[in-house]
Amino acid sequence: MALSIYEASIPVFIRAFGNLEAILDKAVAQSAADGIDPQSLVDGRLVADMLPLAGQIQRASDTAKGAGARLSGVDNPSFADTETSFAELKSRIRRTVDFLKSIPPEALDGSESRTISMRNGAVQLDGKTYLLRHALPNFFFHVTTAYDILRHKGIAVGKADYLGSFD
């Protein structure tokens, strides 16, 4: 059986968000234990011209829910980018995952050839190209950058945290 667009997208996003939430939990615990101001982590950046941790999580959320919505043809929920704490970031992750879980697998049937419009119609891609060349790379860029910010700020996370379990 061939790999479906659903299998290559929704479960992948959900799993990565679970790993990211566990990484955030480690950051919260370590900041409390080590006396690190949690706000310095939420506002942390790798370099000045990149988004802070909060922005990276917001963009990962937007990318995943946008991909789910575009590929399934459902409305993309709009989330205001107002998260300023670990609790709010985790809530956004959970809301994103809840939305993704609400999309039935069959809603993505045939989406590999569906025309996906981006940038107000300026970019048109078929669903397979959109997922593999834009949505997944963009999503993992932001998840990885969130991980890297915390790592850069001294949070003791490693590759095993990023990859999570293989259950």
C-alpha atoms as a PDB file:
ATOM      1  CA  MET A   1       0.000   0.000   0.000  1.00  0.00           C
ATOM      2  CA  ALA A   2       1.274   3.457  -0.874  1.00  0.00           C
ATOM      3  CA  LEU A   3       1.913   6.103   1.739  1.00  0.00           C
ATOM      4  CA  SER A   4      -1.029   8.500   1.845  1.00  0.00           C
ATOM      5  CA  ILE A   5      -0.861  12.280   2.105  1.00  0.00           C
ATOM      6  CA  TYR A   6      -2.673  11.942   5.419  1.00  0.00           C
ATOM      7  CA  GLU A   7      -0.049   9.546   6.832  1.00  0.00           C
ATOM      8  CA  ALA A   8       2.748  11.842   5.661  1.00  0.00           C
ATOM      9  CA  SER A   9       1.210  14.921   7.263  1.00  0.00           C
ATOM     10  CA  ILE A  10      -1.271  14.898  10.134  1.00  0.00           C
ATOM     11  CA  PRO A  11       0.323  12.149  12.306  1.00  0.00           C
ATOM     12  CA  VAL A  12       3.779  13.608  11.591  1.00  0.00           C
ATOM     13  CA  PHE A  13       2.696  17.059  12.789  1.00  0.00           C
ATOM     14  CA  ILE A  14       0.967  15.637  15.867  1.00  0.00           C
ATOM     15  CA  ARG A  15       3.995  13.547  16.869  1.00  0.00           C
ATOM     16  CA  ALA A  16       6.398  16.476  16.494  1.00  0.00           C
ATOM     17  CA  PHE A  17       4.119  18.665  18.600  1.00  0.00           C
ATOM     18  CA  GLY A  18       4.095  16.005  21.316  1.00  0.00           C
ATOM     19  CA  ASN A  19       7.886  16.002  21.327  1.00  0.00           C
ATOM     20  CA  LEU A  20       7.975  19.809  21.322  1.00  0.00           C
ATOM     21  CA  GLU A  21       5.562  19.961  24.258  1.00  0.00           C
ATOM     22  CA  ALA A  22       7.791  17.544  26.206  1.00  0.00           C
ATOM     23  CA  ILE A  23      10.777  19.780  25.425  1.00  0.00           C
ATOM     24  CA  LEU A  24       8.858  22.795  26.725  1.00  0.00           C
ATOM     25  CA  ASP A  25       8.078  20.844  29.908  1.00  0.00           C
ATOM     26  CA  LYS A  26      11.797  20.238  30.378  1.00  0.00           C
ATOM     27  CA  ALA A  27      12.484  23.941  29.874  1.00  0.00           C
ATOM     28  CA  VAL A  28       9.892  24.875  32.494  1.00  0.00           C
ATOM     29  CA  ALA A  29      11.292  22.362  35.001  1.00  0.00           C
ATOM     30  CA  GLN A  30      14.904  23.353  34.440  1.00  0.00           C
ATOM     31  CA  SER A  31      14.174  27.076  34.562  1.00  0.00           C
ATOM     32  CA  ALA A  32      12.475  26.591  37.936  1.00  0.00           C
ATOM     33  CA  ALA A  33      15.287  24.389  39.278  1.00  0.00           C
ATOM     34  CA  ASP A  34      18.090  26.637  38.023  1.00  0.00           C
ATOM     35  CA  GLY A  35      16.464  30.012  38.690  1.00  0.00           C
ATOM     36  CA  ILE A  36      16.268  30.914  35.004  1.00  0.00           C
ATOM     37  CA  ASP A  37      13.679  33.543  34.144  1.00  0.00           C
ATOM     38  CA  PRO A  38      11.173  31.621  31.972  1.00  0.00           C
ATOM     39  CA  GLN A  39      10.386  34.810  30.088  1.00  0.00           C
ATOM     40  CA  SER A  40      13.993  34.989  28.900  1.00  0.00           C
ATOM     41  CA  LEU A  41      13.427  31.600  27.254  1.00  0.00           C
ATOM     42  CA  VAL A  42      10.073  32.479  25.688  1.00  0.00           C
ATOM     43  CA  ASP A  43      11.617  35.688  24.318  1.00  0.00           C
ATOM     44  CA  GLY A  44      14.921  33.975  23.436  1.00  0.00           C
ATOM     45  CA  ARG A  45      16.289  34.115  19.902  1.00  0.00           C
ATOM     46  CA  LEU A  46      19.245  32.573  18.131  1.00  0.00           C
ATOM     47  CA  VAL A  47      20.019  35.875  16.380  1.00  0.00           C
ATOM     48  CA  ALA A  48      18.342  39.276  16.321  1.00  0.00           C
ATOM     49  CA  ASP A  49      16.679  38.873  12.914  1.00  0.00           C
ATOM     50  CA  MET A  50      14.971  35.567  13.787  1.00  0.00           C
ATOM     51  CA  LEU A  51      11.711  35.090  15.622  1.00  0.00           C
ATOM     52  CA  PRO A  52      11.861  34.307  19.346  1.00  0.00           C
ATOM     53  CA  LEU A  53      10.802  30.951  20.774  1.00  0.00           C
ATOM     54  CA  ALA A  54       7.171  32.074  20.937  1.00  0.00           C
ATOM     55  CA  GLY A  55       7.235  33.083  17.274  1.00  0.00           C
ATOM     56  CA  GLN A  56       8.816  29.800  16.221  1.00  0.00           C
ATOM     57  CA  ILE A  57       6.040  27.835  17.931  1.00  0.00           C
ATOM     58  CA  GLN A  58       3.385  30.131  16.451  1.00  0.00           C
ATOM     59  CA  ARG A  59       4.786  29.594  12.926  1.00  0.00           C
ATOM     60  CA  ALA A  60       4.997  25.817  13.443  1.00  0.00           C
ATOM     61  CA  SER A  61       1.345  25.910  14.531  1.00  0.00           C
ATOM     62  CA  ASP A  62       0.322  28.061  11.564  1.00  0.00           C
ATOM     63  CA  THR A  63       2.162  25.803   9.130  1.00  0.00           C
ATOM     64  CA  ALA A  64       0.660  22.574  10.480  1.00  0.00           C
ATOM     65  CA  LYS A  65      -2.912  23.812  10.744  1.00  0.00           C
ATOM     66  CA  GLY A  66      -2.605  25.562   7.369  1.00  0.00           C
ATOM     67  CA  ALA A  67      -1.395  22.363   5.745  1.00  0.00           C
ATOM     68  CA  GLY A  68      -4.175  20.340   7.335  1.00  0.00           C
ATOM     69  CA  ALA A  69      -6.774  22.862   6.228  1.00  0.00           C
ATOM     70  CA  ARG A  70      -5.446  23.314   2.681  1.00  0.00           C
ATOM     71  CA  LEU A  71      -5.027  19.600   2.052  1.00  0.00           C
ATOM     72  CA  SER A  72      -8.436  18.675   3.468  1.00  0.00           C
ATOM     73  CA  GLY A  73     -10.390  21.659   2.163  1.00  0.00           C
ATOM     74  CA  VAL A  74     -11.635  22.726   5.609  1.00  0.00           C
ATOM     75  CA  ASP A  75     -11.416  26.177   7.119  1.00  0.00           C
ATOM     76  CA  ASN A  76      -8.118  27.046   8.755  1.00  0.00           C
ATOM     77  CA  PRO A  77      -8.744  28.270  12.309  1.00  0.00           C
ATOM     78  CA  SER A  78      -7.165  31.613  13.069  1.00  0.00           C
ATOM     79  CA  PHE A  79      -5.106  31.884  16.251  1.00  0.00           C
ATOM     80  CA  ALA A  80      -3.920  35.276  17.427  1.00  0.00           C
ATOM     81  CA  ASP A  81      -0.178  35.381  18.012  1.00  0.00           C
ATOM     82  CA  THR A  82      -0.456  36.566  21.607  1.00  0.00           C
ATOM     83  CA  GLU A  83       1.293  33.789  23.526  1.00  0.00           C
ATOM     84  CA  THR A  84       3.813  35.141  26.039  1.00  0.00           C
ATOM     85  CA  SER A  85       4.318  32.212  28.420  1.00  0.00           C
ATOM     86  CA  PHE A  86       5.084  28.512  28.357  1.00  0.00           C
ATOM     87  CA  ALA A  87       1.522  27.752  29.471  1.00  0.00           C
ATOM     88  CA  GLU A  88       0.096  29.765  26.581  1.00  0.00           C
ATOM     89  CA  LEU A  89       2.483  28.177  24.077  1.00  0.00           C
ATOM     90  CA  LYS A  90       1.520  24.706  25.271  1.00  0.00           C
ATOM     91  CA  SER A  91      -2.142  25.662  24.984  1.00  0.00           C
ATOM     92  CA  ARG A  92      -1.573  26.740  21.386  1.00  0.00           C
ATOM     93  CA  ILE A  93       0.119  23.437  20.629  1.00  0.00           C
ATOM     94  CA  ARG A  94      -2.841  21.555  22.135  1.00  0.00           C
ATOM     95  CA  ARG A  95      -5.369  23.636  20.150  1.00  0.00           C
ATOM     96  CA  THR A  96      -3.392  22.965  16.973  1.00  0.00           C
ATOM     97  CA  VAL A  97      -3.250  19.234  17.691  1.00  0.00           C
ATOM     98  CA  ASP A  98      -6.986  19.186  18.481  1.00  0.00           C
ATOM     99  CA  PHE A  99      -7.673  20.802  15.112  1.00  0.00           C
ATOM    100  CA  LEU A 100      -5.413  18.337  13.302  1.00  0.00           C
ATOM    101  CA  LYS A 101      -7.094  15.397  15.059  1.00  0.00           C
ATOM    102  CA  SER A 102     -10.490  16.697  13.894  1.00  0.00           C
ATOM    103  CA  ILE A 103      -9.514  16.168  10.253  1.00  0.00           C
ATOM    104  CA  PRO A 104     -10.585  12.689   9.143  1.00  0.00           C
ATOM    105  CA  PRO A 105      -8.051  10.793   7.011  1.00  0.00           C
ATOM    106  CA  GLU A 106     -10.481  10.517   4.118  1.00  0.00           C
ATOM    107  CA  ALA A 107     -10.680  14.328   3.895  1.00  0.00           C
ATOM    108  CA  LEU A 108      -7.164  14.221   2.421  1.00  0.00           C
ATOM    109  CA  ASP A 109      -7.985  11.553  -0.178  1.00  0.00           C
ATOM    110  CA  GLY A 110      -6.954  12.893  -3.572  1.00  0.00           C
ATOM    111  CA  SER A 111      -5.248  15.924  -2.058  1.00  0.00           C
ATOM    112  CA  GLU A 112      -1.940  15.029  -3.710  1.00  0.00           C
ATOM    113  CA  SER A 113      -3.351  16.456  -6.936  1.00  0.00           C
ATOM    114  CA  ARG A 114      -5.514  19.200  -5.399  1.00  0.00           C
ATOM    115  CA  THR A 115      -4.337  22.713  -6.307  1.00  0.00           C
ATOM    116  CA  ILE A 116      -3.027  24.508  -3.258  1.00  0.00           C
ATOM    117  CA  SER A 117      -2.923  28.301  -3.441  1.00  0.00           C
ATOM    118  CA  MET A 118      -0.550  30.335  -1.310  1.00  0.00           C
ATOM    119  CA  ARG A 119       0.402  33.991  -1.053  1.00  0.00           C
ATOM    120  CA  ASN A 120      -3.018  35.152  -2.203  1.00  0.00           C
ATOM    121  CA  GLY A 121      -2.935  32.883  -5.232  1.00  0.00           C
ATOM    122  CA  ALA A 122       0.507  33.969  -6.424  1.00  0.00           C
ATOM    123  CA  VAL A 123       1.837  30.453  -5.802  1.00  0.00           C
ATOM    124  CA  GLN A 124      -0.058  27.388  -7.014  1.00  0.00           C
ATOM    125  CA  LEU A 125       1.193  23.906  -6.170  1.00  0.00           C
ATOM    126  CA  ASP A 126      -0.307  20.452  -6.271  1.00  0.00           C
ATOM    127  CA  GLY A 127      -0.914  18.983  -2.814  1.00  0.00           C
ATOM    128  CA  LYS A 128       2.001  16.552  -2.923  1.00  0.00           C
ATOM    129  CA  THR A 129       4.491  19.261  -3.890  1.00  0.00           C
ATOM    130  CA  TYR A 130       3.019  21.648  -1.329  1.00  0.00           C
ATOM    131  CA  LEU A 131       3.349  19.102   1.490  1.00  0.00           C
ATOM    132  CA  LEU A 132       6.788  17.747   0.632  1.00  0.00           C
ATOM    133  CA  ARG A 133       8.525  20.922  -0.559  1.00  0.00           C
ATOM    134  CA  HIS A 134       6.887  23.586   1.561  1.00  0.00           C
ATOM    135  CA  ALA A 135       4.738  22.533   4.518  1.00  0.00           C
ATOM    136  CA  LEU A 136       6.904  19.797   6.058  1.00  0.00           C
ATOM    137  CA  PRO A 137      10.255  21.610   5.592  1.00  0.00           C
ATOM    138  CA  ASN A 138       8.796  24.877   6.909  1.00  0.00           C
ATOM    139  CA  PHE A 139       7.182  23.147   9.879  1.00  0.00           C
ATOM    140  CA  PHE A 140      10.382  21.343  10.851  1.00  0.00           C
ATOM    141  CA  PHE A 141      12.440  24.507  10.388  1.00  0.00           C
ATOM    142  CA  HIS A 142      10.360  26.192  13.100  1.00  0.00           C
ATOM    143  CA  VAL A 143      10.231  23.160  15.415  1.00  0.00           C
ATOM    144  CA  THR A 144      13.988  22.726  15.106  1.00  0.00           C
ATOM    145  CA  THR A 145      14.615  26.416  15.685  1.00  0.00           C
ATOM    146  CA  ALA A 146      12.458  26.323  18.837  1.00  0.00           C
ATOM    147  CA  TYR A 147      14.530  23.362  20.059  1.00  0.00           C
ATOM    148  CA  ASP A 148      17.753  25.187  19.134  1.00  0.00           C
ATOM    149  CA  ILE A 149      16.753  28.335  21.024  1.00  0.00           C
ATOM    150  CA  LEU A 150      16.193  26.361  24.213  1.00  0.00           C
ATOM    151  CA  ARG A 151      19.407  24.428  23.703  1.00  0.00           C
ATOM    152  CA  HIS A 152      21.276  27.689  23.063  1.00  0.00           C
ATOM    153  CA  LYS A 153      19.840  29.100  26.295  1.00  0.00           C
ATOM    154  CA  GLY A 154      21.237  26.156  28.271  1.00  0.00           C
ATOM    155  CA  ILE A 155      18.220  23.876  28.544  1.00  0.00           C
ATOM    156  CA  ALA A 156      19.406  20.272  28.797  1.00  0.00           C
ATOM    157  CA  VAL A 157      17.634  18.724  25.840  1.00  0.00           C
ATOM    158  CA  GLY A 158      19.147  16.510  23.190  1.00  0.00           C
ATOM    159  CA  LYS A 159      18.458  14.666  20.001  1.00  0.00           C
ATOM    160  CA  ALA A 160      16.460  11.977  21.826  1.00  0.00           C
ATOM    161  CA  ASP A 161      14.087  14.681  23.117  1.00  0.00           C
ATOM    162  CA  TYR A 162      13.661  16.084  19.611  1.00  0.00           C
ATOM    163  CA  LEU A 163      13.035  12.683  18.037  1.00  0.00           C
ATOM    164  CA  GLY A 164      10.906  11.308  20.882  1.00  0.00           C
ATOM    165  CA  SER A 165      10.070   7.639  21.289  1.00  0.00           C
ATOM    166  CA  PHE A 166       9.376   5.365  18.377  1.00  0.00           C
ATOM    167  CA  ASP A 167       6.279   3.741  19.896  1.00  0.00           C
END
